[in-house]
């Protein structure tokens, strides 16, 4: 479900609430957590944590997510692969004809 590229968790309760209400995000969705306890809760709920903020602040979390996305983009371009957002990697997701 959902066309989300990333989900940012700022507490363990946000992990429990999202999974409890909406279910787990699609496997292609990037999961970012504000700290180790939040990441632990995400993993306990079967989520793969892609980004862990270096310090417990929303700014650090957003910066870490931006760095992760840029690293993925650079890696794809270096490998000669097209650049897709995570939501475009899902079955039935929209595919662009050109890379960003």
PDB file of N, CA and C in Angstrom:
ATOM      1  N   UNK A   1       0.778  -1.180   0.000  1.00  0.00           N
ATOM      2  CA  UNK A   1       0.000   0.000   0.000  1.00  0.00           C
ATOM      3  C   UNK A   1       0.829   1.257   0.000  1.00  0.00           C
ATOM      4  N   UNK A   2       0.159   2.327  -0.290  1.00  0.00           N
ATOM      5  CA  UNK A   2       0.741   3.661  -0.188  1.00  0.00           C
ATOM      6  C   UNK A   2       1.870   3.911  -1.152  1.00  0.00           C
ATOM      7  N   UNK A   3       2.012   5.125  -1.587  1.00  0.00           N
ATOM      8  CA  UNK A   3       3.082   5.500  -2.493  1.00  0.00           C
ATOM      9  C   UNK A   3       4.172   6.260  -1.785  1.00  0.00           C
ATOM     10  N   UNK A   4       4.548   5.808  -0.611  1.00  0.00           N
ATOM     11  CA  UNK A   4       5.552   6.520   0.170  1.00  0.00           C
ATOM     12  C   UNK A   4       6.952   6.099  -0.237  1.00  0.00           C
ATOM     13  N   UNK A   5       7.838   7.071  -0.353  1.00  0.00           N
ATOM     14  CA  UNK A   5       9.240   6.778  -0.622  1.00  0.00           C
ATOM     15  C   UNK A   5       9.979   6.482   0.670  1.00  0.00           C
ATOM     16  N   UNK A   6       9.587   7.136   1.752  1.00  0.00           N
ATOM     17  CA  UNK A   6      10.264   6.952   3.037  1.00  0.00           C
ATOM     18  C   UNK A   6       9.266   7.159   4.169  1.00  0.00           C
ATOM     19  N   UNK A   7       9.546   6.481   5.278  1.00  0.00           N
ATOM     20  CA  UNK A   7       8.796   6.687   6.515  1.00  0.00           C
ATOM     21  C   UNK A   7       9.818   7.015   7.587  1.00  0.00           C
ATOM     22  N   UNK A   8       9.604   8.128   8.278  1.00  0.00           N
ATOM     23  CA  UNK A   8      10.503   8.558   9.349  1.00  0.00           C
ATOM     24  C   UNK A   8       9.818   8.317  10.680  1.00  0.00           C
ATOM     25  N   UNK A   9      10.502   7.601  11.550  1.00  0.00           N
ATOM     26  CA  UNK A   9       9.971   7.321  12.875  1.00  0.00           C
ATOM     27  C   UNK A   9      10.742   8.132  13.903  1.00  0.00           C
ATOM     28  N   UNK A  10       9.996   8.845  14.754  1.00  0.00           N
ATOM     29  CA  UNK A  10      10.622   9.686  15.776  1.00  0.00           C
ATOM     30  C   UNK A  10      10.479   9.114  17.184  1.00  0.00           C
ATOM     31  N   UNK A  11       9.812   7.973  17.307  1.00  0.00           N
ATOM     32  CA  UNK A  11       9.690   7.313  18.614  1.00  0.00           C
ATOM     33  C   UNK A  11       9.208   5.888  18.400  1.00  0.00           C
ATOM     34  N   UNK A  12       9.389   5.067  19.419  1.00  0.00           N
ATOM     35  CA  UNK A  12       8.892   3.689  19.354  1.00  0.00           C
ATOM     36  C   UNK A  12       7.376   3.657  19.213  1.00  0.00           C
ATOM     37  N   UNK A  13       6.697   4.601  19.857  1.00  0.00           N
ATOM     38  CA  UNK A  13       5.232   4.606  19.763  1.00  0.00           C
ATOM     39  C   UNK A  13       4.767   4.909  18.340  1.00  0.00           C
ATOM     40  N   UNK A  14       5.508   5.713  17.584  1.00  0.00           N
ATOM     41  CA  UNK A  14       5.104   5.968  16.195  1.00  0.00           C
ATOM     42  C   UNK A  14       5.246   4.706  15.357  1.00  0.00           C
ATOM     43  N   UNK A  15       6.250   3.886  15.650  1.00  0.00           N
ATOM     44  CA  UNK A  15       6.400   2.604  14.952  1.00  0.00           C
ATOM     45  C   UNK A  15       5.188   1.726  15.253  1.00  0.00           C
ATOM     46  N   UNK A  16       4.900   1.542  16.529  1.00  0.00           N
ATOM     47  CA  UNK A  16       3.780   0.681  16.926  1.00  0.00           C
ATOM     48  C   UNK A  16       2.459   1.186  16.352  1.00  0.00           C
ATOM     49  N   UNK A  17       2.244   2.499  16.397  1.00  0.00           N
ATOM     50  CA  UNK A  17       0.986   3.060  15.897  1.00  0.00           C
ATOM     51  C   UNK A  17       0.843   2.882  14.391  1.00  0.00           C
ATOM     52  N   UNK A  18       1.882   3.172  13.632  1.00  0.00           N
ATOM     53  CA  UNK A  18       1.780   3.040  12.174  1.00  0.00           C
ATOM     54  C   UNK A  18       1.541   1.586  11.782  1.00  0.00           C
ATOM     55  N   UNK A  19       2.350   0.695  12.326  1.00  0.00           N
ATOM     56  CA  UNK A  19       2.202  -0.718  11.976  1.00  0.00           C
ATOM     57  C   UNK A  19       0.842  -1.241  12.435  1.00  0.00           C
ATOM     58  N   UNK A  20       0.399  -0.812  13.610  1.00  0.00           N
ATOM     59  CA  UNK A  20      -0.892  -1.258  14.123  1.00  0.00           C
ATOM     60  C   UNK A  20      -2.071  -0.745  13.324  1.00  0.00           C
ATOM     61  N   UNK A  21      -1.980   0.470  12.825  1.00  0.00           N
ATOM     62  CA  UNK A  21      -3.097   1.083  12.100  1.00  0.00           C
ATOM     63  C   UNK A  21      -3.031   0.800  10.604  1.00  0.00           C
ATOM     64  N   UNK A  22      -1.867   1.001  10.007  1.00  0.00           N
ATOM     65  CA  UNK A  22      -1.744   0.923   8.548  1.00  0.00           C
ATOM     66  C   UNK A  22      -1.024  -0.327   8.058  1.00  0.00           C
ATOM     67  N   UNK A  23      -0.421  -1.085   8.957  1.00  0.00           N
ATOM     68  CA  UNK A  23       0.372  -2.232   8.530  1.00  0.00           C
ATOM     69  C   UNK A  23       1.789  -1.797   8.196  1.00  0.00           C
ATOM     70  N   UNK A  24       2.608  -2.778   7.830  1.00  0.00           N
ATOM     71  CA  UNK A  24       4.004  -2.472   7.520  1.00  0.00           C
ATOM     72  C   UNK A  24       4.099  -1.750   6.182  1.00  0.00           C
ATOM     73  N   UNK A  25       5.012  -0.778   6.077  1.00  0.00           N
ATOM     74  CA  UNK A  25       5.247  -0.135   4.778  1.00  0.00           C
ATOM     75  C   UNK A  25       5.770  -1.161   3.775  1.00  0.00           C
ATOM     76  N   UNK A  26       5.619  -0.871   2.499  1.00  0.00           N
ATOM     77  CA  UNK A  26       6.131  -1.737   1.440  1.00  0.00           C
ATOM     78  C   UNK A  26       7.627  -1.953   1.637  1.00  0.00           C
ATOM     79  N   UNK A  27       8.120  -3.103   1.238  1.00  0.00           N
ATOM     80  CA  UNK A  27       9.537  -3.443   1.420  1.00  0.00           C
ATOM     81  C   UNK A  27      10.476  -2.458   0.726  1.00  0.00           C
ATOM     82  N   UNK A  28      10.020  -1.779  -0.322  1.00  0.00           N
ATOM     83  CA  UNK A  28      10.874  -0.810  -1.022  1.00  0.00           C
ATOM     84  C   UNK A  28      10.956   0.530  -0.295  1.00  0.00           C
ATOM     85  N   UNK A  29      10.066   0.768   0.646  1.00  0.00           N
ATOM     86  CA  UNK A  29      10.047   2.037   1.370  1.00  0.00           C
ATOM     87  C   UNK A  29      11.278   2.163   2.261  1.00  0.00           C
ATOM     88  N   UNK A  30      11.913   3.316   2.219  1.00  0.00           N
ATOM     89  CA  UNK A  30      13.068   3.591   3.074  1.00  0.00           C
ATOM     90  C   UNK A  30      12.554   3.862   4.488  1.00  0.00           C
ATOM     91  N   UNK A  31      13.158   3.199   5.467  1.00  0.00           N
ATOM     92  CA  UNK A  31      12.775   3.374   6.868  1.00  0.00           C
ATOM     93  C   UNK A  31      13.892   4.132   7.576  1.00  0.00           C
ATOM     94  N   UNK A  32      13.536   5.263   8.188  1.00  0.00           N
ATOM     95  CA  UNK A  32      14.509   6.094   8.904  1.00  0.00           C
ATOM     96  C   UNK A  32      14.051   6.248  10.351  1.00  0.00           C
ATOM     97  N   UNK A  33      14.997   6.100  11.278  1.00  0.00           N
ATOM     98  CA  UNK A  33      14.677   6.180  12.709  1.00  0.00           C
ATOM     99  C   UNK A  33      15.557   7.210  13.403  1.00  0.00           C
ATOM    100  N   UNK A  34      14.973   7.867  14.400  1.00  0.00           N
ATOM    101  CA  UNK A  34      15.656   8.953  15.104  1.00  0.00           C
ATOM    102  C   UNK A  34      16.711   8.466  16.090  1.00  0.00           C
ATOM    103  N   UNK A  35      16.595   7.230  16.551  1.00  0.00           N
ATOM    104  CA  UNK A  35      17.569   6.737  17.524  1.00  0.00           C
ATOM    105  C   UNK A  35      17.554   5.231  17.615  1.00  0.00           C
ATOM    106  N   UNK A  36      18.494   4.671  18.379  1.00  0.00           N
ATOM    107  CA  UNK A  36      18.623   3.218  18.455  1.00  0.00           C
ATOM    108  C   UNK A  36      17.416   2.500  19.056  1.00  0.00           C
ATOM    109  N   UNK A  37      16.756   3.090  20.032  1.00  0.00           N
ATOM    110  CA  UNK A  37      15.581   2.425  20.614  1.00  0.00           C
ATOM    111  C   UNK A  37      14.442   2.372  19.603  1.00  0.00           C
ATOM    112  N   UNK A  38      14.255   3.447  18.855  1.00  0.00           N
ATOM    113  CA  UNK A  38      13.222   3.464  17.816  1.00  0.00           C
ATOM    114  C   UNK A  38      13.560   2.446  16.735  1.00  0.00           C
ATOM    115  N   UNK A  39      14.829   2.365  16.352  1.00  0.00           N
ATOM    116  CA  UNK A  39      15.262   1.383  15.352  1.00  0.00           C
ATOM    117  C   UNK A  39      15.018  -0.039  15.851  1.00  0.00           C
ATOM    118  N   UNK A  40      15.297  -0.282  17.114  1.00  0.00           N
ATOM    119  CA  UNK A  40      15.075  -1.613  17.699  1.00  0.00           C
ATOM    120  C   UNK A  40      13.596  -1.982  17.624  1.00  0.00           C
ATOM    121  N   UNK A  41      12.729  -1.040  17.960  1.00  0.00           N
ATOM    122  CA  UNK A  41      11.287  -1.293  17.889  1.00  0.00           C
ATOM    123  C   UNK A  41      10.864  -1.566  16.452  1.00  0.00           C
ATOM    124  N   UNK A  42      11.399  -0.794  15.506  1.00  0.00           N
ATOM    125  CA  UNK A  42      11.075  -1.011  14.090  1.00  0.00           C
ATOM    126  C   UNK A  42      11.482  -2.422  13.663  1.00  0.00           C
ATOM    127  N   UNK A  43      12.680  -2.828  14.032  1.00  0.00           N
ATOM    128  CA  UNK A  43      13.152  -4.166  13.677  1.00  0.00           C
ATOM    129  C   UNK A  43      12.307  -5.249  14.341  1.00  0.00           C
ATOM    130  N   UNK A  44      11.884  -5.015  15.573  1.00  0.00           N
ATOM    131  CA  UNK A  44      11.009  -5.974  16.267  1.00  0.00           C
ATOM    132  C   UNK A  44       9.663  -6.123  15.561  1.00  0.00           C
ATOM    133  N   UNK A  45       9.275  -5.095  14.804  1.00  0.00           N
ATOM    134  CA  UNK A  45       8.027  -5.144  14.038  1.00  0.00           C
ATOM    135  C   UNK A  45       8.269  -5.588  12.595  1.00  0.00           C
ATOM    136  N   UNK A  46       9.444  -6.121  12.338  1.00  0.00           N
ATOM    137  CA  UNK A  46       9.740  -6.683  11.019  1.00  0.00           C
ATOM    138  C   UNK A  46      10.162  -5.685   9.967  1.00  0.00           C
ATOM    139  N   UNK A  47      10.551  -4.482  10.385  1.00  0.00           N
ATOM    140  CA  UNK A  47      10.974  -3.466   9.424  1.00  0.00           C
ATOM    141  C   UNK A  47      12.492  -3.460   9.281  1.00  0.00           C
ATOM    142  N   UNK A  48      12.953  -3.203   8.077  1.00  0.00           N
ATOM    143  CA  UNK A  48      14.386  -3.049   7.803  1.00  0.00           C
ATOM    144  C   UNK A  48      14.719  -1.564   7.976  1.00  0.00           C
ATOM    145  N   UNK A  49      15.618  -1.244   8.869  1.00  0.00           N
ATOM    146  CA  UNK A  49      15.985   0.156   9.106  1.00  0.00           C
ATOM    147  C   UNK A  49      17.134   0.520   8.169  1.00  0.00           C
ATOM    148  N   UNK A  50      16.878   1.505   7.316  1.00  0.00           N
ATOM    149  CA  UNK A  50      17.877   1.948   6.341  1.00  0.00           C
ATOM    150  C   UNK A  50      18.702   3.119   6.847  1.00  0.00           C
ATOM    151  N   UNK A  51      18.088   3.961   7.666  1.00  0.00           N
ATOM    152  CA  UNK A  51      18.726   5.204   8.107  1.00  0.00           C
ATOM    153  C   UNK A  51      18.557   5.335   9.614  1.00  0.00           C
ATOM    154  N   UNK A  52      19.654   5.619  10.289  1.00  0.00           N
ATOM    155  CA  UNK A  52      19.624   5.888  11.725  1.00  0.00           C
ATOM    156  C   UNK A  52      20.290   7.243  11.943  1.00  0.00           C
ATOM    157  N   UNK A  53      19.549   8.176  12.515  1.00  0.00           N
ATOM    158  CA  UNK A  53      20.095   9.519  12.755  1.00  0.00           C
ATOM    159  C   UNK A  53      21.300   9.427  13.691  1.00  0.00           C
ATOM    160  N   UNK A  54      22.343  10.220  13.427  1.00  0.00           N
ATOM    161  CA  UNK A  54      23.523  10.193  14.289  1.00  0.00           C
ATOM    162  C   UNK A  54      23.281  10.821  15.661  1.00  0.00           C
ATOM    163  N   UNK A  55      22.237  11.632  15.769  1.00  0.00           N
ATOM    164  CA  UNK A  55      21.842  12.202  17.056  1.00  0.00           C
ATOM    165  C   UNK A  55      20.320  12.299  17.065  1.00  0.00           C
ATOM    166  N   UNK A  56      19.757  12.345  18.251  1.00  0.00           N
ATOM    167  CA  UNK A  56      18.302  12.288  18.402  1.00  0.00           C
ATOM    168  C   UNK A  56      17.650  13.647  18.180  1.00  0.00           C
ATOM    169  N   UNK A  57      17.642  14.079  16.915  1.00  0.00           N
ATOM    170  CA  UNK A  57      16.929  15.310  16.562  1.00  0.00           C
ATOM    171  C   UNK A  57      16.291  15.130  15.192  1.00  0.00           C
ATOM    172  N   UNK A  58      15.194  15.834  14.977  1.00  0.00           N
ATOM    173  CA  UNK A  58      14.502  15.747  13.698  1.00  0.00           C
ATOM    174  C   UNK A  58      15.397  16.272  12.577  1.00  0.00           C
ATOM    175  N   UNK A  59      16.166  17.307  12.843  1.00  0.00           N
ATOM    176  CA  UNK A  59      17.080  17.847  11.828  1.00  0.00           C
ATOM    177  C   UNK A  59      18.116  16.793  11.441  1.00  0.00           C
ATOM    178  N   UNK A  60      18.704  16.126  12.437  1.00  0.00           N
ATOM    179  CA  UNK A  60      19.694  15.080  12.150  1.00  0.00           C
ATOM    180  C   UNK A  60      19.058  13.931  11.374  1.00  0.00           C
ATOM    181  N   UNK A  61      17.816  13.582  11.698  1.00  0.00           N
ATOM    182  CA  UNK A  61      17.105  12.521  10.992  1.00  0.00           C
ATOM    183  C   UNK A  61      16.871  12.904   9.531  1.00  0.00           C
ATOM    184  N   UNK A  62      16.386  14.114   9.304  1.00  0.00           N
ATOM    185  CA  UNK A  62      16.149  14.575   7.933  1.00  0.00           C
ATOM    186  C   UNK A  62      17.451  14.652   7.140  1.00  0.00           C
ATOM    187  N   UNK A  63      18.508  15.149   7.761  1.00  0.00           N
ATOM    188  CA  UNK A  63      19.808  15.225   7.086  1.00  0.00           C
ATOM    189  C   UNK A  63      20.331  13.834   6.743  1.00  0.00           C
ATOM    190  N   UNK A  64      20.188  12.887   7.670  1.00  0.00           N
ATOM    191  CA  UNK A  64      20.649  11.516   7.424  1.00  0.00           C
ATOM    192  C   UNK A  64      19.861  10.879   6.279  1.00  0.00           C
ATOM    193  N   UNK A  65      18.565  11.139   6.217  1.00  0.00           N
ATOM    194  CA  UNK A  65      17.749  10.615   5.127  1.00  0.00           C
ATOM    195  C   UNK A  65      18.172  11.230   3.796  1.00  0.00           C
ATOM    196  N   UNK A  66      18.417  12.534   3.779  1.00  0.00           N
ATOM    197  CA  UNK A  66      18.876  13.199   2.554  1.00  0.00           C
ATOM    198  C   UNK A  66      20.215  12.623   2.095  1.00  0.00           C
ATOM    199  N   UNK A  67      21.126  12.405   3.029  1.00  0.00           N
ATOM    200  CA  UNK A  67      22.428  11.815   2.693  1.00  0.00           C
ATOM    201  C   UNK A  67      22.261  10.405   2.124  1.00  0.00           C
ATOM    202  N   UNK A  68      21.364   9.630   2.715  1.00  0.00           N
ATOM    203  CA  UNK A  68      21.100   8.270   2.239  1.00  0.00           C
ATOM    204  C   UNK A  68      20.580   8.304   0.802  1.00  0.00           C
ATOM    205  N   UNK A  69      19.619   9.176   0.547  1.00  0.00           N
ATOM    206  CA  UNK A  69      19.060   9.291  -0.798  1.00  0.00           C
ATOM    207  C   UNK A  69      20.096   9.718  -1.819  1.00  0.00           C
ATOM    208  N   UNK A  70      20.931  10.673  -1.447  1.00  0.00           N
ATOM    209  CA  UNK A  70      21.981  11.137  -2.355  1.00  0.00           C
ATOM    210  C   UNK A  70      22.982  10.021  -2.633  1.00  0.00           C
ATOM    211  N   UNK A  71      23.339   9.263  -1.617  1.00  0.00           N
ATOM    212  CA  UNK A  71      24.267   8.145  -1.790  1.00  0.00           C
ATOM    213  C   UNK A  71      23.689   7.098  -2.743  1.00  0.00           C
ATOM    214  N   UNK A  72      22.416   6.801  -2.594  1.00  0.00           N
ATOM    215  CA  UNK A  72      21.752   5.855  -3.507  1.00  0.00           C
ATOM    216  C   UNK A  72      21.754   6.384  -4.936  1.00  0.00           C
ATOM    217  N   UNK A  73      21.472   7.676  -5.092  1.00  0.00           N
ATOM    218  CA  UNK A  73      21.433   8.280  -6.424  1.00  0.00           C
ATOM    219  C   UNK A  73      22.801   8.209  -7.083  1.00  0.00           C
ATOM    220  N   UNK A  74      23.840   8.592  -6.350  1.00  0.00           N
ATOM    221  CA  UNK A  74      25.204   8.586  -6.881  1.00  0.00           C
ATOM    222  C   UNK A  74      25.621   7.164  -7.253  1.00  0.00           C
ATOM    223  N   UNK A  75      25.303   6.194  -6.406  1.00  0.00           N
ATOM    224  CA  UNK A  75      25.652   4.796  -6.685  1.00  0.00           C
ATOM    225  C   UNK A  75      24.966   4.294  -7.952  1.00  0.00           C
ATOM    226  N   UNK A  76      23.690   4.608  -8.106  1.00  0.00           N
ATOM    227  CA  UNK A  76      22.957   4.176  -9.298  1.00  0.00           C
ATOM    228  C   UNK A  76      23.554   4.804 -10.552  1.00  0.00           C
ATOM    229  N   UNK A  77      23.826   6.098 -10.503  1.00  0.00           N
ATOM    230  CA  UNK A  77      24.402   6.774 -11.667  1.00  0.00           C
ATOM    231  C   UNK A  77      25.778   6.221 -12.008  1.00  0.00           C
ATOM    232  N   UNK A  78      26.597   5.957 -10.990  1.00  0.00           N
ATOM    233  CA  UNK A  78      27.941   5.413 -11.221  1.00  0.00           C
ATOM    234  C   UNK A  78      27.872   4.028 -11.858  1.00  0.00           C
ATOM    235  N   UNK A  79      26.828   3.281 -11.544  1.00  0.00           N
ATOM    236  CA  UNK A  79      26.654   1.942 -12.105  1.00  0.00           C
ATOM    237  C   UNK A  79      25.933   1.972 -13.453  1.00  0.00           C
ATOM    238  N   UNK A  80      25.583   3.178 -13.920  1.00  0.00           N
ATOM    239  CA  UNK A  80      24.881   3.307 -15.187  1.00  0.00           C
ATOM    240  C   UNK A  80      23.427   2.883 -15.115  1.00  0.00           C
ATOM    241  N   UNK A  81      22.888   2.855 -13.916  1.00  0.00           N
ATOM    242  CA  UNK A  81      21.497   2.450 -13.720  1.00  0.00           C
ATOM    243  C   UNK A  81      20.595   3.674 -13.647  1.00  0.00           C
ATOM    244  N   UNK A  82      19.329   3.512 -14.010  1.00  0.00           N
ATOM    245  CA  UNK A  82      18.399   4.636 -13.856  1.00  0.00           C
ATOM    246  C   UNK A  82      18.158   4.921 -12.375  1.00  0.00           C
ATOM    247  N   UNK A  83      17.791   6.146 -12.088  1.00  0.00           N
ATOM    248  CA  UNK A  83      17.508   6.551 -10.708  1.00  0.00           C
ATOM    249  C   UNK A  83      15.995   6.534 -10.514  1.00  0.00           C
ATOM    250  N   UNK A  84      15.550   5.699  -9.578  1.00  0.00           N
ATOM    251  CA  UNK A  84      14.133   5.609  -9.251  1.00  0.00           C
ATOM    252  C   UNK A  84      13.917   5.933  -7.791  1.00  0.00           C
ATOM    253  N   UNK A  85      12.787   6.567  -7.507  1.00  0.00           N
ATOM    254  CA  UNK A  85      12.366   6.716  -6.117  1.00  0.00           C
ATOM    255  C   UNK A  85      11.899   5.348  -5.637  1.00  0.00           C
ATOM    256  N   UNK A  86      11.964   5.087  -4.326  1.00  0.00           N
ATOM    257  CA  UNK A  86      11.509   3.779  -3.826  1.00  0.00           C
ATOM    258  C   UNK A  86      10.089   3.427  -4.258  1.00  0.00           C
ATOM    259  N   UNK A  87       9.185   4.388  -4.289  1.00  0.00           N
ATOM    260  CA  UNK A  87       7.798   4.101  -4.677  1.00  0.00           C
ATOM    261  C   UNK A  87       7.693   3.679  -6.135  1.00  0.00           C
ATOM    262  N   UNK A  88       8.690   3.998  -6.933  1.00  0.00           N
ATOM    263  CA  UNK A  88       8.678   3.612  -8.344  1.00  0.00           C
ATOM    264  C   UNK A  88       9.276   2.221  -8.560  1.00  0.00           C
ATOM    265  N   UNK A  89       9.830   1.620  -7.535  1.00  0.00           N
ATOM    266  CA  UNK A  89      10.412   0.278  -7.637  1.00  0.00           C
ATOM    267  C   UNK A  89       9.394  -0.813  -7.343  1.00  0.00           C
ATOM    268  N   UNK A  90       8.224  -0.443  -6.900  1.00  0.00           N
ATOM    269  CA  UNK A  90       7.203  -1.425  -6.539  1.00  0.00           C
ATOM    270  C   UNK A  90       6.531  -1.970  -7.787  1.00  0.00           C
ATOM    271  N   UNK A  91       6.047  -3.205  -7.715  1.00  0.00           N
ATOM    272  CA  UNK A  91       5.242  -3.712  -8.828  1.00  0.00           C
ATOM    273  C   UNK A  91       4.062  -2.776  -9.066  1.00  0.00           C
ATOM    274  N   UNK A  92       3.875  -2.388 -10.297  1.00  0.00           N
ATOM    275  CA  UNK A  92       2.788  -1.478 -10.628  1.00  0.00           C
ATOM    276  C   UNK A  92       3.117  -0.021 -10.375  1.00  0.00           C
ATOM    277  N   UNK A  93       4.317   0.261  -9.858  1.00  0.00           N
ATOM    278  CA  UNK A  93       4.733   1.643  -9.614  1.00  0.00           C
ATOM    279  C   UNK A  93       5.016   2.365 -10.922  1.00  0.00           C
ATOM    280  N   UNK A  94       4.904   3.668 -10.879  1.00  0.00           N
ATOM    281  CA  UNK A  94       5.183   4.461 -12.074  1.00  0.00           C
ATOM    282  C   UNK A  94       6.676   4.441 -12.357  1.00  0.00           C
ATOM    283  N   UNK A  95       7.027   4.379 -13.611  1.00  0.00           N
ATOM    284  CA  UNK A  95       8.434   4.425 -14.019  1.00  0.00           C
ATOM    285  C   UNK A  95       8.625   5.641 -14.912  1.00  0.00           C
ATOM    286  N   UNK A  96       9.671   6.368 -14.641  1.00  0.00           N
ATOM    287  CA  UNK A  96      10.005   7.520 -15.475  1.00  0.00           C
ATOM    288  C   UNK A  96      10.863   7.054 -16.637  1.00  0.00           C
ATOM    289  N   UNK A  97      10.839   7.811 -17.718  1.00  0.00           N
ATOM    290  CA  UNK A  97      11.679   7.469 -18.863  1.00  0.00           C
ATOM    291  C   UNK A  97      13.064   8.083 -18.747  1.00  0.00           C
ATOM    292  N   UNK A  98      13.242   9.048 -17.849  1.00  0.00           N
ATOM    293  CA  UNK A  98      14.559   9.671 -17.706  1.00  0.00           C
ATOM    294  C   UNK A  98      14.946   9.742 -16.240  1.00  0.00           C
ATOM    295  N   UNK A  99      16.250   9.710 -15.995  1.00  0.00           N
ATOM    296  CA  UNK A  99      16.761   9.795 -14.618  1.00  0.00           C
ATOM    297  C   UNK A  99      16.810  11.242 -14.177  1.00  0.00           C
ATOM    298  N   UNK A 100      16.716  11.441 -12.867  1.00  0.00           N
ATOM    299  CA  UNK A 100      16.816  12.797 -12.307  1.00  0.00           C
ATOM    300  C   UNK A 100      18.240  13.128 -12.036  1.00  0.00           C
TER     301      UNK A 100
END
